[in-house]
Amino acid sequence: MRLAPHQVSETAPTSENFQNGEVRRNGSKPQLPPRLQHLRQRRKQQKQRVQRLLKQVFLVSAIALPLVAISLPASRQAIFGEVQHTVEVVADTFKPRVSRSRSNLFVETALQDLSPQVRALLDTIAFAEGTHDELGYQTIFTFDTFGNFFDHPRRIRCTVYAGQRLCSDAAGRYQMLSSTFDSVAKPLGLADFSPISQDLAAVELIRRRGGLEKIQQGDFEGALVAIQKEWSSLPGSGYGQPEVSVRELQRVYERRLIYYQQQAI
């Protein structure tokens, strides 16, 4: 995922309890990736402020708009449409969310027609982005979720990190910007943003960066270097975002590679 400073799976989930490249079997609560910890705290604070504001707006709208509708009959339909929209926004804000802190289970790639090496690399990228769990394919920037796979959601979200305001419409398991997805969707003939389409798009981005041949040859570090500018969470990306170390990603990759190789037997 690349950021601009201004700006469910279709297969049955098969998972391992995973933390920092190690399988967790003792039931202890896994530690979140640094970027997810920071954004989760920021989102909690922002949501509290938005909730207070929306309560005030909703109260004013509920009182003022009906009065305006009575005095201006010609505008009644538009006014009631605005009221309905406000109600929908409030309902969406207050609806319960699934906590990502308890969703640290690895989910397989939706696309199964790939080599174990490529599938393991895709899982490793998702791990670095903090989207390797069952909600990964539905995740947008700031770790909220979107509801359908008809198209890239194209919803810009903002957060503050290290004193800098960051805005992005990155979405999906591989946190692709809408412009990035569009650049590969047409050549590949992708008609939606389904999990399989996300996998295909990510593989194409890896290929364009020269990482596909390297990972097929077993050169994991070489593949990381090749694709580091495509995802800000990879080591050496240089985008000023939290980066996961090569050593940690190597452990993740090796375990996922073994997992997919055993499946192929």
Protein backbone atom coordinates (compact mmCIF):
# COMPACT_ATOMS: atom_id res chain seq x y z
CA MET A 1 0.00 0.00 0.00
CA ARG A 2 1.23 3.47 -0.88
CA LEU A 3 -0.11 6.54 0.90
CA ALA A 4 -0.71 10.09 -0.25
CA PRO A 5 -0.17 12.77 2.41
CA HIS A 6 -3.22 14.65 1.11
CA GLN A 7 -5.27 12.59 -0.38
CA VAL A 8 -15.19 -13.21 2.73
CA SER A 9 -13.00 -15.18 1.29
CA GLU A 10 -14.69 -17.31 -1.41
CA THR A 11 -13.01 -20.42 -0.06
CA ALA A 12 -13.58 -21.94 3.32
CA PRO A 13 -11.17 -20.26 5.74
CA THR A 14 -8.35 -22.53 6.79
CA SER A 15 -6.26 -20.93 9.47
CA GLU A 16 -3.43 -21.17 11.93
CA ASN A 17 -3.16 -19.19 15.13
CA PHE A 18 -0.24 -16.99 14.17
CA GLN A 19 1.82 -14.28 15.84
CA ASN A 20 5.11 -12.82 14.64
CA GLY A 21 5.69 -15.84 12.46
CA GLU A 22 5.12 -18.32 15.28
CA VAL A 23 2.16 -20.62 15.78
CA ARG A 24 0.38 -19.80 19.05
CA ARG A 25 -1.24 -22.79 20.75
CA ASN A 26 -1.56 -21.61 24.31
CA GLY A 27 -4.62 -19.46 23.68
CA SER A 28 -2.88 -16.26 24.77
CA LYS A 29 -3.94 -12.99 23.18
CA PRO A 30 -1.63 -12.24 20.20
CA GLN A 31 0.19 -8.93 19.92
CA LEU A 32 -0.94 -6.67 17.10
CA PRO A 33 1.36 -5.32 14.38
CA PRO A 34 2.58 -1.79 15.31
CA ARG A 35 0.63 -0.08 12.53
CA LEU A 36 -2.58 -1.81 13.58
CA GLN A 37 -2.02 -0.87 17.25
CA HIS A 38 -1.55 2.79 16.35
CA LEU A 39 -4.44 3.02 13.90
CA ARG A 40 -6.79 1.10 16.18
CA GLN A 41 -6.18 3.61 18.99
CA ARG A 42 -6.58 6.55 16.61
CA ARG A 43 -9.78 5.12 15.19
CA LYS A 44 -11.22 4.64 18.67
CA GLN A 45 -10.55 8.28 19.55
CA GLN A 46 -11.90 9.56 16.24
CA LYS A 47 -14.99 7.40 16.48
CA GLN A 48 -15.80 8.80 19.93
CA ARG A 49 -15.58 12.36 18.58
CA VAL A 50 -17.68 11.50 15.53
CA GLN A 51 -20.30 9.81 17.68
CA ARG A 52 -20.71 12.93 19.82
CA LEU A 53 -20.95 15.13 16.73
CA LEU A 54 -23.45 12.87 15.00
CA LYS A 55 -25.67 12.80 18.06
CA GLN A 56 -25.81 16.60 17.98
CA VAL A 57 -26.41 16.73 14.22
CA PHE A 58 -29.10 14.09 14.39
CA LEU A 59 -30.90 15.89 17.20
CA VAL A 60 -30.87 19.20 15.34
CA SER A 61 -31.96 17.54 12.09
CA ALA A 62 -34.79 15.67 13.77
CA ILE A 63 -36.21 18.95 15.09
CA ALA A 64 -35.36 21.49 12.40
CA LEU A 65 -35.91 19.63 9.13
CA PRO A 66 -39.58 18.68 9.72
CA LEU A 67 -40.29 22.34 10.55
CA VAL A 68 -38.63 23.45 7.32
CA ALA A 69 -40.56 20.80 5.37
CA ILE A 70 -43.84 22.16 6.69
CA SER A 71 -42.96 25.73 5.73
CA LEU A 72 -41.50 24.74 2.32
CA PRO A 73 -43.69 21.98 0.84
CA ALA A 74 -41.84 22.02 -2.50
CA SER A 75 -38.63 20.94 -0.77
CA ARG A 76 -40.24 18.22 1.32
CA GLN A 77 -38.96 15.24 -0.69
CA ALA A 78 -35.36 16.47 -0.72
CA ILE A 79 -35.47 17.26 2.99
CA PHE A 80 -36.81 13.86 3.97
CA GLY A 81 -34.17 12.27 1.75
CA GLU A 82 -31.51 14.13 3.72
CA VAL A 83 -33.05 12.96 6.99
CA GLN A 84 -32.97 9.36 5.77
CA HIS A 85 -29.31 9.72 4.77
CA THR A 86 -28.45 11.13 8.21
CA VAL A 87 -30.19 8.21 9.91
CA GLU A 88 -28.24 5.73 7.76
CA VAL A 89 -24.91 7.40 8.61
CA VAL A 90 -25.69 7.32 12.33
CA ALA A 91 -26.78 3.68 12.14
CA ASP A 92 -23.58 2.71 10.33
CA THR A 93 -21.44 4.54 12.90
CA PHE A 94 -23.04 2.81 15.86
CA LYS A 95 -23.29 -0.69 14.42
CA PRO A 96 -21.09 -3.26 16.20
CA ARG A 97 -17.67 -3.94 14.70
CA VAL A 98 -15.65 -7.12 14.88
CA SER A 99 -12.52 -6.53 16.95
CA ARG A 100 -9.37 -7.10 14.89
CA SER A 101 -7.41 -7.78 18.09
CA ARG A 102 -9.07 -11.21 18.32
CA SER A 103 -8.86 -11.96 14.62
CA ASN A 104 -5.22 -12.85 14.20
CA LEU A 105 -5.89 -16.10 12.34
CA PHE A 106 -4.25 -16.71 9.00
CA VAL A 107 -6.67 -17.24 6.11
CA GLU A 108 -5.61 -18.90 2.87
CA THR A 109 -5.42 -17.02 -0.40
CA ALA A 110 -8.73 -17.20 -2.25
CA LEU A 111 -6.92 -18.11 -5.46
CA GLN A 112 -5.73 -21.70 -5.15
CA ASP A 113 -4.27 -22.03 -8.65
CA LEU A 114 -0.91 -20.61 -7.59
CA SER A 115 2.38 -22.16 -6.56
CA PRO A 116 3.02 -22.58 -2.82
CA GLN A 117 5.77 -19.95 -3.12
CA VAL A 118 3.45 -17.30 -4.55
CA ARG A 119 0.64 -18.07 -2.10
CA ALA A 120 3.09 -17.85 0.81
CA LEU A 121 4.38 -14.50 -0.49
CA LEU A 122 0.83 -13.15 -0.75
CA ASP A 123 0.18 -14.22 2.84
CA THR A 124 3.41 -12.53 3.91
CA ILE A 125 2.39 -9.25 2.28
CA ALA A 126 -1.00 -9.49 3.99
CA PHE A 127 0.72 -10.13 7.32
CA ALA A 128 2.87 -7.03 6.87
CA GLU A 129 -0.24 -4.98 6.04
CA GLY A 130 -2.11 -6.41 9.06
CA THR A 131 -4.81 -7.92 6.83
CA HIS A 132 -4.05 -11.64 6.95
CA ASP A 133 -7.15 -12.55 8.98
CA GLU A 134 -10.69 -13.45 7.91
CA LEU A 135 -11.59 -9.77 7.40
CA GLY A 136 -8.58 -9.01 5.24
CA TYR A 137 -10.33 -9.08 1.88
CA GLN A 138 -12.94 -6.63 3.24
CA THR A 139 -10.58 -4.16 4.93
CA ILE A 140 -10.09 -0.49 4.05
CA PHE A 141 -7.47 1.95 5.32
CA THR A 142 -7.81 2.49 9.11
CA PHE A 143 -8.98 -1.15 9.37
CA ASP A 144 -12.68 -0.51 8.91
CA THR A 145 -14.50 -2.87 6.53
CA PHE A 146 -16.61 -2.55 3.39
CA GLY A 147 -19.72 -4.52 2.54
CA ASN A 148 -19.53 -5.91 -1.02
CA PHE A 149 -17.05 -6.87 -3.72
CA PHE A 150 -18.73 -5.28 -6.76
CA ASP A 151 -15.85 -2.83 -7.12
CA HIS A 152 -12.98 -1.30 -5.19
CA PRO A 153 -14.78 0.65 -2.41
CA ARG A 154 -12.95 3.92 -3.26
CA ARG A 155 -13.53 5.34 0.21
CA ILE A 156 -10.85 7.76 1.39
CA ARG A 157 -10.00 7.48 5.08
CA CYS A 158 -7.52 9.56 7.05
CA THR A 159 -5.40 9.10 10.15
CA VAL A 160 -2.45 10.83 11.81
CA TYR A 161 0.87 9.05 12.19
CA ALA A 162 4.07 10.63 13.56
CA GLY A 163 2.46 14.06 13.32
CA GLN A 164 1.56 13.65 9.65
CA ARG A 165 -1.98 13.42 8.32
CA LEU A 166 -2.27 10.42 6.01
CA CYS A 167 -5.23 9.86 3.68
CA SER A 168 -5.77 6.83 1.48
CA ASP A 169 -8.47 4.79 -0.22
CA ALA A 170 -6.38 1.61 0.08
CA ALA A 171 -8.56 -1.47 0.36
CA GLY A 172 -8.56 -5.24 0.40
CA ARG A 173 -6.15 -7.86 1.62
CA TYR A 174 -3.25 -6.17 -0.16
CA GLN A 175 -4.34 -2.59 0.63
CA MET A 176 -4.35 -1.43 -2.98
CA LEU A 177 -5.20 2.15 -3.90
CA SER A 178 -8.11 2.42 -6.33
CA SER A 179 -5.74 3.84 -8.96
CA THR A 180 -3.36 0.91 -8.49
CA PHE A 181 -6.18 -1.62 -8.78
CA ASP A 182 -7.55 0.12 -11.88
CA SER A 183 -4.11 -0.06 -13.52
CA VAL A 184 -4.18 -3.87 -13.41
CA ALA A 185 -7.93 -4.61 -13.48
CA LYS A 186 -8.48 -3.65 -17.11
CA PRO A 187 -5.48 -5.54 -18.57
CA LEU A 188 -6.45 -8.61 -16.52
CA GLY A 189 -10.16 -8.29 -17.32
CA LEU A 190 -11.17 -8.14 -13.65
CA ALA A 191 -14.87 -7.32 -13.33
CA ASP A 192 -15.04 -6.94 -9.54
CA PHE A 193 -13.02 -6.63 -6.34
CA SER A 194 -13.68 -10.16 -5.14
CA PRO A 195 -11.03 -12.04 -3.15
CA ILE A 196 -9.89 -13.87 -6.28
CA SER A 197 -9.64 -10.57 -8.19
CA GLN A 198 -7.59 -9.11 -5.34
CA ASP A 199 -5.21 -12.07 -5.47
CA LEU A 200 -4.84 -11.79 -9.25
CA ALA A 201 -4.20 -8.05 -9.02
CA ALA A 202 -1.55 -8.53 -6.32
CA VAL A 203 0.22 -11.23 -8.35
CA GLU A 204 0.29 -8.88 -11.35
CA LEU A 205 1.79 -6.10 -9.23
CA ILE A 206 4.45 -8.53 -8.01
CA ARG A 207 5.16 -9.58 -11.61
CA ARG A 208 5.47 -5.99 -12.80
CA ARG A 209 8.03 -5.28 -10.08
CA GLY A 210 10.09 -8.32 -11.03
CA GLY A 211 9.29 -10.24 -7.85
CA LEU A 212 7.37 -13.14 -9.38
CA GLU A 213 10.35 -14.76 -11.07
CA LYS A 214 12.49 -14.32 -7.95
CA ILE A 215 9.99 -15.95 -5.60
CA GLN A 216 9.46 -18.83 -8.02
CA GLN A 217 13.22 -19.38 -7.89
CA GLY A 218 13.14 -19.44 -4.08
CA ASP A 219 14.77 -16.02 -3.65
CA PHE A 220 12.54 -14.58 -0.92
CA GLU A 221 14.77 -11.64 0.02
CA GLY A 222 15.26 -10.77 -3.64
CA ALA A 223 11.50 -10.78 -4.14
CA LEU A 224 11.05 -8.48 -1.13
CA VAL A 225 13.55 -6.00 -2.51
CA ALA A 226 11.80 -6.09 -5.88
CA ILE A 227 8.34 -5.30 -4.46
CA GLN A 228 9.25 -3.10 -1.48
CA LYS A 229 8.06 0.09 -3.20
CA GLU A 230 4.64 -1.43 -3.84
CA TRP A 231 3.72 -1.94 -0.17
CA SER A 232 4.64 0.61 2.50
CA SER A 233 4.84 -1.98 5.29
CA LEU A 234 7.68 -3.89 3.63
CA PRO A 235 11.25 -3.20 4.79
CA GLY A 236 12.99 -0.54 2.75
CA SER A 237 9.81 0.89 1.25
CA GLY A 238 10.79 4.40 2.34
CA TYR A 239 7.26 5.76 2.75
CA GLY A 240 7.72 6.73 6.39
CA GLN A 241 5.26 4.11 7.64
CA PRO A 242 5.89 1.29 10.15
CA GLU A 243 7.84 -1.47 8.42
CA VAL A 244 8.07 -5.14 9.35
CA SER A 245 11.59 -6.57 9.53
CA VAL A 246 13.00 -8.96 6.92
CA ARG A 247 13.66 -11.52 9.65
CA GLU A 248 10.07 -11.51 10.84
CA LEU A 249 8.68 -11.73 7.32
CA GLN A 250 11.10 -14.55 6.52
CA ARG A 251 9.65 -16.58 9.41
CA VAL A 252 6.12 -15.87 8.22
CA TYR A 253 6.96 -16.83 4.65
CA GLU A 254 8.68 -20.08 5.60
CA ARG A 255 5.79 -21.26 7.76
CA ARG A 256 3.20 -20.40 5.14
CA LEU A 257 5.31 -22.08 2.46
CA ILE A 258 5.45 -25.29 4.48
CA TYR A 259 1.69 -25.05 5.02
CA TYR A 260 0.92 -24.80 1.30
CA GLN A 261 3.49 -27.43 0.36
CA GLN A 262 1.86 -29.89 2.74
CA GLN A 263 -1.51 -29.13 1.15
CA ALA A 264 -0.13 -29.99 -2.26
CA ILE A 265 0.98 -33.48 -1.18
